[in-house]
């Protein structure tokens, strides 16, 4: 949104923090719905990291971890939904 509305840096930071916090809350909530402990732990840890990264200084490692924590639950959700469909067909 900042590309075409040209917000100042404070508003851009607030939008980013809100976005990552909401995604983190969604991952924590989704993690509580899983039955497998490993997947549940991954979702919850990724969600907590996305919420907590807003309070840390931005470094390259934190940015890399944020990207990993954003993508990992989505990939797990995509793979596990295929597994459920395959099991239902059998």
PDB file of N, CA and C in Angstrom:
ATOM      1  N   UNK A   1       0.813  -1.190   0.000  1.00  0.00           N
ATOM      2  CA  UNK A   1       0.000   0.000   0.000  1.00  0.00           C
ATOM      3  C   UNK A   1       0.858   1.255   0.000  1.00  0.00           C
ATOM      4  N   UNK A   2       2.014   1.156   0.581  1.00  0.00           N
ATOM      5  CA  UNK A   2       2.867   2.331   0.683  1.00  0.00           C
ATOM      6  C   UNK A   2       3.382   2.783  -0.680  1.00  0.00           C
ATOM      7  N   UNK A   3       3.426   1.881  -1.651  1.00  0.00           N
ATOM      8  CA  UNK A   3       3.959   2.241  -2.963  1.00  0.00           C
ATOM      9  C   UNK A   3       3.110   3.291  -3.650  1.00  0.00           C
ATOM     10  N   UNK A   4       1.802   3.212  -3.524  1.00  0.00           N
ATOM     11  CA  UNK A   4       0.964   4.164  -4.250  1.00  0.00           C
ATOM     12  C   UNK A   4       0.290   5.190  -3.350  1.00  0.00           C
ATOM     13  N   UNK A   5       0.266   4.999  -2.034  1.00  0.00           N
ATOM     14  CA  UNK A   5      -0.307   6.001  -1.138  1.00  0.00           C
ATOM     15  C   UNK A   5       0.760   6.853  -0.463  1.00  0.00           C
ATOM     16  N   UNK A   6       2.010   6.410  -0.478  1.00  0.00           N
ATOM     17  CA  UNK A   6       3.160   7.154   0.036  1.00  0.00           C
ATOM     18  C   UNK A   6       2.954   7.633   1.476  1.00  0.00           C
ATOM     19  N   UNK A   7       2.792   6.658   2.394  1.00  0.00           N
ATOM     20  CA  UNK A   7       2.681   6.979   3.809  1.00  0.00           C
ATOM     21  C   UNK A   7       4.042   7.383   4.358  1.00  0.00           C
ATOM     22  N   UNK A   8       4.037   8.105   5.477  1.00  0.00           N
ATOM     23  CA  UNK A   8       5.317   8.392   6.118  1.00  0.00           C
ATOM     24  C   UNK A   8       5.794   7.140   6.857  1.00  0.00           C
ATOM     25  N   UNK A   9       7.007   7.162   7.346  1.00  0.00           N
ATOM     26  CA  UNK A   9       7.617   5.948   7.903  1.00  0.00           C
ATOM     27  C   UNK A   9       6.910   5.465   9.169  1.00  0.00           C
ATOM     28  N   UNK A  10       6.364   6.373   9.977  1.00  0.00           N
ATOM     29  CA  UNK A  10       5.685   5.957  11.206  1.00  0.00           C
ATOM     30  C   UNK A  10       4.418   5.165  10.896  1.00  0.00           C
ATOM     31  N   UNK A  11       3.636   5.641   9.945  1.00  0.00           N
ATOM     32  CA  UNK A  11       2.406   4.944   9.578  1.00  0.00           C
ATOM     33  C   UNK A  11       2.742   3.626   8.891  1.00  0.00           C
ATOM     34  N   UNK A  12       3.768   3.618   8.068  1.00  0.00           N
ATOM     35  CA  UNK A  12       4.187   2.382   7.403  1.00  0.00           C
ATOM     36  C   UNK A  12       4.637   1.341   8.424  1.00  0.00           C
ATOM     37  N   UNK A  13       5.356   1.759   9.444  1.00  0.00           N
ATOM     38  CA  UNK A  13       5.788   0.853  10.505  1.00  0.00           C
ATOM     39  C   UNK A  13       4.592   0.317  11.275  1.00  0.00           C
ATOM     40  N   UNK A  14       3.623   1.171  11.554  1.00  0.00           N
ATOM     41  CA  UNK A  14       2.430   0.750  12.280  1.00  0.00           C
ATOM     42  C   UNK A  14       1.601  -0.245  11.459  1.00  0.00           C
ATOM     43  N   UNK A  15       1.485  -0.012  10.163  1.00  0.00           N
ATOM     44  CA  UNK A  15       0.753  -0.937   9.293  1.00  0.00           C
ATOM     45  C   UNK A  15       1.458  -2.292   9.250  1.00  0.00           C
ATOM     46  N   UNK A  16       2.776  -2.281   9.132  1.00  0.00           N
ATOM     47  CA  UNK A  16       3.536  -3.540   9.095  1.00  0.00           C
ATOM     48  C   UNK A  16       3.409  -4.299  10.415  1.00  0.00           C
ATOM     49  N   UNK A  17       3.514  -3.582  11.528  1.00  0.00           N
ATOM     50  CA  UNK A  17       3.401  -4.230  12.836  1.00  0.00           C
ATOM     51  C   UNK A  17       2.015  -4.833  13.023  1.00  0.00           C
ATOM     52  N   UNK A  18       0.988  -4.117  12.617  1.00  0.00           N
ATOM     53  CA  UNK A  18      -0.376  -4.635  12.734  1.00  0.00           C
ATOM     54  C   UNK A  18      -0.572  -5.859  11.851  1.00  0.00           C
ATOM     55  N   UNK A  19      -0.059  -5.796  10.631  1.00  0.00           N
ATOM     56  CA  UNK A  19      -0.207  -6.910   9.698  1.00  0.00           C
ATOM     57  C   UNK A  19       0.476  -8.169  10.234  1.00  0.00           C
ATOM     58  N   UNK A  20       1.731  -8.043  10.673  1.00  0.00           N
ATOM     59  CA  UNK A  20       2.448  -9.208  11.171  1.00  0.00           C
ATOM     60  C   UNK A  20       1.839  -9.723  12.470  1.00  0.00           C
ATOM     61  N   UNK A  21       1.325  -8.832  13.309  1.00  0.00           N
ATOM     62  CA  UNK A  21       0.673  -9.272  14.543  1.00  0.00           C
ATOM     63  C   UNK A  21      -0.601 -10.051  14.249  1.00  0.00           C
ATOM     64  N   UNK A  22      -1.400  -9.576  13.306  1.00  0.00           N
ATOM     65  CA  UNK A  22      -2.634 -10.286  12.956  1.00  0.00           C
ATOM     66  C   UNK A  22      -2.341 -11.643  12.320  1.00  0.00           C
ATOM     67  N   UNK A  23      -1.328 -11.699  11.466  1.00  0.00           N
ATOM     68  CA  UNK A  23      -0.939 -12.989  10.885  1.00  0.00           C
ATOM     69  C   UNK A  23      -0.436 -13.921  11.985  1.00  0.00           C
ATOM     70  N   UNK A  24       0.350 -13.388  12.922  1.00  0.00           N
ATOM     71  CA  UNK A  24       0.842 -14.193  14.039  1.00  0.00           C
ATOM     72  C   UNK A  24      -0.282 -14.726  14.906  1.00  0.00           C
ATOM     73  N   UNK A  25      -1.273 -13.891  15.188  1.00  0.00           N
ATOM     74  CA  UNK A  25      -2.428 -14.334  15.977  1.00  0.00           C
ATOM     75  C   UNK A  25      -3.190 -15.425  15.227  1.00  0.00           C
ATOM     76  N   UNK A  26      -3.336 -15.260  13.923  1.00  0.00           N
ATOM     77  CA  UNK A  26      -4.027 -16.277  13.120  1.00  0.00           C
ATOM     78  C   UNK A  26      -3.259 -17.597  13.137  1.00  0.00           C
ATOM     79  N   UNK A  27      -1.931 -17.539  13.082  1.00  0.00           N
ATOM     80  CA  UNK A  27      -1.132 -18.766  13.116  1.00  0.00           C
ATOM     81  C   UNK A  27      -1.225 -19.450  14.481  1.00  0.00           C
ATOM     82  N   UNK A  28      -1.216 -18.669  15.557  1.00  0.00           N
ATOM     83  CA  UNK A  28      -1.354 -19.260  16.888  1.00  0.00           C
ATOM     84  C   UNK A  28      -2.721 -19.933  17.018  1.00  0.00           C
ATOM     85  N   UNK A  29      -3.766 -19.253  16.568  1.00  0.00           N
ATOM     86  CA  UNK A  29      -5.114 -19.820  16.629  1.00  0.00           C
ATOM     87  C   UNK A  29      -5.214 -21.079  15.767  1.00  0.00           C
ATOM     88  N   UNK A  30      -4.665 -21.031  14.567  1.00  0.00           N
ATOM     89  CA  UNK A  30      -4.702 -22.202  13.683  1.00  0.00           C
ATOM     90  C   UNK A  30      -3.889 -23.350  14.271  1.00  0.00           C
ATOM     91  N   UNK A  31      -2.813 -23.019  14.959  1.00  0.00           N
ATOM     92  CA  UNK A  31      -1.999 -24.056  15.581  1.00  0.00           C
ATOM     93  C   UNK A  31      -2.739 -24.807  16.670  1.00  0.00           C
ATOM     94  N   UNK A  32      -3.638 -24.120  17.346  1.00  0.00           N
ATOM     95  CA  UNK A  32      -4.404 -24.775  18.400  1.00  0.00           C
ATOM     96  C   UNK A  32      -5.430 -25.763  17.843  1.00  0.00           C
ATOM     97  N   UNK A  33      -5.749 -25.662  16.571  1.00  0.00           N
ATOM     98  CA  UNK A  33      -6.754 -26.535  15.962  1.00  0.00           C
ATOM     99  C   UNK A  33      -6.179 -27.840  15.419  1.00  0.00           C
ATOM    100  N   UNK A  34      -4.853 -27.935  15.297  1.00  0.00           N
ATOM    101  CA  UNK A  34      -4.236 -29.138  14.749  1.00  0.00           C
ATOM    102  C   UNK A  34      -4.164 -30.225  15.809  1.00  0.00           C
ATOM    103  N   UNK A  35      -4.187 -31.481  15.357  1.00  0.00           N
ATOM    104  CA  UNK A  35      -4.074 -32.613  16.276  1.00  0.00           C
ATOM    105  C   UNK A  35      -2.639 -33.111  16.387  1.00  0.00           C
ATOM    106  N   UNK A  36      -1.855 -32.954  15.336  1.00  0.00           N
ATOM    107  CA  UNK A  36      -0.459 -33.388  15.375  1.00  0.00           C
ATOM    108  C   UNK A  36       0.362 -32.365  16.161  1.00  0.00           C
ATOM    109  N   UNK A  37       1.092 -32.842  17.138  1.00  0.00           N
ATOM    110  CA  UNK A  37       1.843 -31.953  18.029  1.00  0.00           C
ATOM    111  C   UNK A  37       2.949 -31.186  17.304  1.00  0.00           C
ATOM    112  N   UNK A  38       3.622 -31.825  16.347  1.00  0.00           N
ATOM    113  CA  UNK A  38       4.711 -31.157  15.638  1.00  0.00           C
ATOM    114  C   UNK A  38       4.185 -29.981  14.821  1.00  0.00           C
ATOM    115  N   UNK A  39       3.115 -30.212  14.079  1.00  0.00           N
ATOM    116  CA  UNK A  39       2.533 -29.136  13.273  1.00  0.00           C
ATOM    117  C   UNK A  39       1.975 -28.045  14.176  1.00  0.00           C
ATOM    118  N   UNK A  40       1.350 -28.455  15.259  1.00  0.00           N
ATOM    119  CA  UNK A  40       0.810 -27.495  16.221  1.00  0.00           C
ATOM    120  C   UNK A  40       1.927 -26.617  16.780  1.00  0.00           C
ATOM    121  N   UNK A  41       3.045 -27.217  17.128  1.00  0.00           N
ATOM    122  CA  UNK A  41       4.181 -26.472  17.672  1.00  0.00           C
ATOM    123  C   UNK A  41       4.760 -25.514  16.641  1.00  0.00           C
ATOM    124  N   UNK A  42       4.887 -25.957  15.398  1.00  0.00           N
ATOM    125  CA  UNK A  42       5.437 -25.093  14.345  1.00  0.00           C
ATOM    126  C   UNK A  42       4.545 -23.878  14.129  1.00  0.00           C
ATOM    127  N   UNK A  43       3.239 -24.100  14.031  1.00  0.00           N
ATOM    128  CA  UNK A  43       2.312 -22.992  13.830  1.00  0.00           C
ATOM    129  C   UNK A  43       2.384 -21.993  14.983  1.00  0.00           C
ATOM    130  N   UNK A  44       2.364 -22.497  16.212  1.00  0.00           N
ATOM    131  CA  UNK A  44       2.365 -21.610  17.379  1.00  0.00           C
ATOM    132  C   UNK A  44       3.680 -20.853  17.484  1.00  0.00           C
ATOM    133  N   UNK A  45       4.813 -21.521  17.268  1.00  0.00           N
ATOM    134  CA  UNK A  45       6.106 -20.836  17.342  1.00  0.00           C
ATOM    135  C   UNK A  45       6.250 -19.779  16.252  1.00  0.00           C
ATOM    136  N   UNK A  46       5.788 -20.094  15.040  1.00  0.00           N
ATOM    137  CA  UNK A  46       5.846 -19.102  13.962  1.00  0.00           C
ATOM    138  C   UNK A  46       4.961 -17.907  14.289  1.00  0.00           C
ATOM    139  N   UNK A  47       3.789 -18.166  14.840  1.00  0.00           N
ATOM    140  CA  UNK A  47       2.900 -17.076  15.217  1.00  0.00           C
ATOM    141  C   UNK A  47       3.488 -16.199  16.306  1.00  0.00           C
ATOM    142  N   UNK A  48       4.074 -16.821  17.310  1.00  0.00           N
ATOM    143  CA  UNK A  48       4.694 -16.053  18.397  1.00  0.00           C
ATOM    144  C   UNK A  48       5.867 -15.238  17.870  1.00  0.00           C
ATOM    145  N   UNK A  49       6.658 -15.818  16.970  1.00  0.00           N
ATOM    146  CA  UNK A  49       7.780 -15.066  16.406  1.00  0.00           C
ATOM    147  C   UNK A  49       7.289 -13.865  15.606  1.00  0.00           C
ATOM    148  N   UNK A  50       6.241 -14.049  14.798  1.00  0.00           N
ATOM    149  CA  UNK A  50       5.734 -12.932  13.993  1.00  0.00           C
ATOM    150  C   UNK A  50       5.180 -11.816  14.869  1.00  0.00           C
ATOM    151  N   UNK A  51       4.594 -12.168  15.998  1.00  0.00           N
ATOM    152  CA  UNK A  51       4.124 -11.137  16.926  1.00  0.00           C
ATOM    153  C   UNK A  51       5.314 -10.471  17.609  1.00  0.00           C
ATOM    154  N   UNK A  52       6.263 -11.275  18.070  1.00  0.00           N
ATOM    155  CA  UNK A  52       7.395 -10.751  18.821  1.00  0.00           C
ATOM    156  C   UNK A  52       8.404  -9.977  18.002  1.00  0.00           C
ATOM    157  N   UNK A  53       8.477 -10.244  16.691  1.00  0.00           N
ATOM    158  CA  UNK A  53       9.478  -9.555  15.874  1.00  0.00           C
ATOM    159  C   UNK A  53       9.208  -8.058  15.773  1.00  0.00           C
ATOM    160  N   UNK A  54       7.982  -7.647  16.055  1.00  0.00           N
ATOM    161  CA  UNK A  54       7.653  -6.222  16.014  1.00  0.00           C
ATOM    162  C   UNK A  54       8.362  -5.443  17.117  1.00  0.00           C
ATOM    163  N   UNK A  55       8.786  -6.144  18.162  1.00  0.00           N
ATOM    164  CA  UNK A  55       9.428  -5.494  19.295  1.00  0.00           C
ATOM    165  C   UNK A  55      10.948  -5.623  19.266  1.00  0.00           C
ATOM    166  N   UNK A  56      11.491  -6.240  18.218  1.00  0.00           N
ATOM    167  CA  UNK A  56      12.935  -6.408  18.072  1.00  0.00           C
ATOM    168  C   UNK A  56      13.469  -5.449  17.016  1.00  0.00           C
ATOM    169  N   UNK A  57      14.751  -5.134  17.115  1.00  0.00           N
ATOM    170  CA  UNK A  57      15.379  -4.320  16.076  1.00  0.00           C
ATOM    171  C   UNK A  57      15.462  -5.129  14.790  1.00  0.00           C
ATOM    172  N   UNK A  58      15.195  -4.479  13.676  1.00  0.00           N
ATOM    173  CA  UNK A  58      15.176  -5.188  12.403  1.00  0.00           C
ATOM    174  C   UNK A  58      16.601  -5.462  11.932  1.00  0.00           C
ATOM    175  N   UNK A  59      16.897  -6.743  11.756  1.00  0.00           N
ATOM    176  CA  UNK A  59      18.186  -7.167  11.221  1.00  0.00           C
ATOM    177  C   UNK A  59      17.926  -8.117  10.055  1.00  0.00           C
ATOM    178  N   UNK A  60      18.982  -8.492   9.384  1.00  0.00           N
ATOM    179  CA  UNK A  60      18.846  -9.411   8.258  1.00  0.00           C
ATOM    180  C   UNK A  60      18.328 -10.766   8.718  1.00  0.00           C
ATOM    181  N   UNK A  61      18.828 -11.262   9.854  1.00  0.00           N
ATOM    182  CA  UNK A  61      18.414 -12.573  10.349  1.00  0.00           C
ATOM    183  C   UNK A  61      16.955 -12.581  10.770  1.00  0.00           C
ATOM    184  N   UNK A  62      16.509 -11.512  11.372  1.00  0.00           N
ATOM    185  CA  UNK A  62      15.102 -11.439  11.774  1.00  0.00           C
ATOM    186  C   UNK A  62      14.212 -11.390  10.539  1.00  0.00           C
ATOM    187  N   UNK A  63      14.636 -10.682   9.502  1.00  0.00           N
ATOM    188  CA  UNK A  63      13.856 -10.635   8.263  1.00  0.00           C
ATOM    189  C   UNK A  63      13.791 -12.005   7.594  1.00  0.00           C
ATOM    190  N   UNK A  64      14.908 -12.730   7.591  1.00  0.00           N
ATOM    191  CA  UNK A  64      14.926 -14.075   7.009  1.00  0.00           C
ATOM    192  C   UNK A  64      14.018 -15.012   7.804  1.00  0.00           C
ATOM    193  N   UNK A  65      14.108 -14.942   9.129  1.00  0.00           N
ATOM    194  CA  UNK A  65      13.248 -15.776   9.970  1.00  0.00           C
ATOM    195  C   UNK A  65      11.777 -15.416   9.791  1.00  0.00           C
ATOM    196  N   UNK A  66      11.487 -14.138   9.591  1.00  0.00           N
ATOM    197  CA  UNK A  66      10.100 -13.718   9.378  1.00  0.00           C
ATOM    198  C   UNK A  66       9.549 -14.307   8.086  1.00  0.00           C
ATOM    199  N   UNK A  67      10.350 -14.307   7.038  1.00  0.00           N
ATOM    200  CA  UNK A  67       9.914 -14.896   5.768  1.00  0.00           C
ATOM    201  C   UNK A  67       9.687 -16.394   5.931  1.00  0.00           C
ATOM    202  N   UNK A  68      10.599 -17.057   6.636  1.00  0.00           N
ATOM    203  CA  UNK A  68      10.442 -18.494   6.879  1.00  0.00           C
ATOM    204  C   UNK A  68       9.181 -18.762   7.696  1.00  0.00           C
ATOM    205  N   UNK A  69       8.949 -17.941   8.726  1.00  0.00           N
ATOM    206  CA  UNK A  69       7.769 -18.131   9.571  1.00  0.00           C
ATOM    207  C   UNK A  69       6.476 -17.771   8.856  1.00  0.00           C
ATOM    208  N   UNK A  70       6.541 -16.937   7.852  1.00  0.00           N
ATOM    209  CA  UNK A  70       5.349 -16.650   7.053  1.00  0.00           C
ATOM    210  C   UNK A  70       5.022 -17.801   6.109  1.00  0.00           C
ATOM    211  N   UNK A  71       6.050 -18.373   5.494  1.00  0.00           N
ATOM    212  CA  UNK A  71       5.834 -19.380   4.456  1.00  0.00           C
ATOM    213  C   UNK A  71       5.616 -20.794   4.994  1.00  0.00           C
ATOM    214  N   UNK A  72       6.291 -21.151   6.075  1.00  0.00           N
ATOM    215  CA  UNK A  72       6.232 -22.523   6.580  1.00  0.00           C
ATOM    216  C   UNK A  72       4.810 -22.986   6.903  1.00  0.00           C
ATOM    217  N   UNK A  73       4.018 -22.240   7.682  1.00  0.00           N
ATOM    218  CA  UNK A  73       2.650 -22.707   7.946  1.00  0.00           C
ATOM    219  C   UNK A  73       1.782 -22.797   6.692  1.00  0.00           C
ATOM    220  N   UNK A  74       2.001 -21.899   5.734  1.00  0.00           N
ATOM    221  CA  UNK A  74       1.221 -21.976   4.494  1.00  0.00           C
ATOM    222  C   UNK A  74       1.570 -23.237   3.708  1.00  0.00           C
ATOM    223  N   UNK A  75       2.853 -23.576   3.663  1.00  0.00           N
ATOM    224  CA  UNK A  75       3.280 -24.787   2.953  1.00  0.00           C
ATOM    225  C   UNK A  75       2.755 -26.030   3.666  1.00  0.00           C
ATOM    226  N   UNK A  76       2.827 -26.040   4.994  1.00  0.00           N
ATOM    227  CA  UNK A  76       2.301 -27.177   5.758  1.00  0.00           C
ATOM    228  C   UNK A  76       0.800 -27.317   5.526  1.00  0.00           C
ATOM    229  N   UNK A  77       0.090 -26.207   5.538  1.00  0.00           N
ATOM    230  CA  UNK A  77      -1.352 -26.254   5.288  1.00  0.00           C
ATOM    231  C   UNK A  77      -1.677 -26.771   3.910  1.00  0.00           C
ATOM    232  N   UNK A  78      -0.896 -26.390   2.925  1.00  0.00           N
ATOM    233  CA  UNK A  78      -1.128 -26.855   1.552  1.00  0.00           C
ATOM    234  C   UNK A  78      -0.856 -28.353   1.437  1.00  0.00           C
ATOM    235  N   UNK A  79       0.245 -28.813   2.008  1.00  0.00           N
ATOM    236  CA  UNK A  79       0.602 -30.230   1.921  1.00  0.00           C
ATOM    237  C   UNK A  79      -0.384 -31.088   2.709  1.00  0.00           C
ATOM    238  N   UNK A  80      -0.736 -30.659   3.909  1.00  0.00           N
ATOM    239  CA  UNK A  80      -1.615 -31.479   4.739  1.00  0.00           C
ATOM    240  C   UNK A  80      -3.030 -31.521   4.185  1.00  0.00           C
ATOM    241  N   UNK A  81      -3.479 -30.478   3.500  1.00  0.00           N
ATOM    242  CA  UNK A  81      -4.818 -30.529   2.911  1.00  0.00           C
ATOM    243  C   UNK A  81      -4.856 -31.538   1.768  1.00  0.00           C
ATOM    244  N   UNK A  82      -3.750 -31.687   1.043  1.00  0.00           N
ATOM    245  CA  UNK A  82      -3.682 -32.714  -0.001  1.00  0.00           C
ATOM    246  C   UNK A  82      -3.712 -34.105   0.623  1.00  0.00           C
ATOM    247  N   UNK A  83      -3.015 -34.270   1.757  1.00  0.00           N
ATOM    248  CA  UNK A  83      -3.008 -35.566   2.428  1.00  0.00           C
ATOM    249  C   UNK A  83      -4.406 -35.945   2.903  1.00  0.00           C
ATOM    250  N   UNK A  84      -5.159 -35.004   3.427  1.00  0.00           N
ATOM    251  CA  UNK A  84      -6.513 -35.287   3.900  1.00  0.00           C
ATOM    252  C   UNK A  84      -7.418 -35.693   2.741  1.00  0.00           C
ATOM    253  N   UNK A  85      -7.270 -35.028   1.598  1.00  0.00           N
ATOM    254  CA  UNK A  85      -8.086 -35.380   0.432  1.00  0.00           C
ATOM    255  C   UNK A  85      -7.738 -36.774  -0.075  1.00  0.00           C
ATOM    256  N   UNK A  86      -6.447 -37.112  -0.080  1.00  0.00           N
ATOM    257  CA  UNK A  86      -6.031 -38.436  -0.536  1.00  0.00           C
ATOM    258  C   UNK A  86      -6.533 -39.519   0.409  1.00  0.00           C
ATOM    259  N   UNK A  87      -6.500 -39.263   1.708  1.00  0.00           N
ATOM    260  CA  UNK A  87      -6.993 -40.242   2.668  1.00  0.00           C
ATOM    261  C   UNK A  87      -8.501 -40.415   2.547  1.00  0.00           C
ATOM    262  N   UNK A  88      -9.215 -39.347   2.272  1.00  0.00           N
ATOM    263  CA  UNK A  88     -10.668 -39.434   2.129  1.00  0.00           C
ATOM    264  C   UNK A  88     -11.051 -40.230   0.892  1.00  0.00           C
ATOM    265  N   UNK A  89     -10.250 -40.138  -0.161  1.00  0.00           N
ATOM    266  CA  UNK A  89     -10.541 -40.880  -1.384  1.00  0.00           C
ATOM    267  C   UNK A  89     -10.300 -42.375  -1.214  1.00  0.00           C
ATOM    268  N   UNK A  90      -9.366 -42.749  -0.360  1.00  0.00           N
ATOM    269  CA  UNK A  90      -9.060 -44.168  -0.159  1.00  0.00           C
ATOM    270  C   UNK A  90     -10.125 -44.765   0.707  1.00  0.00           C
TER     271      UNK A  90
END
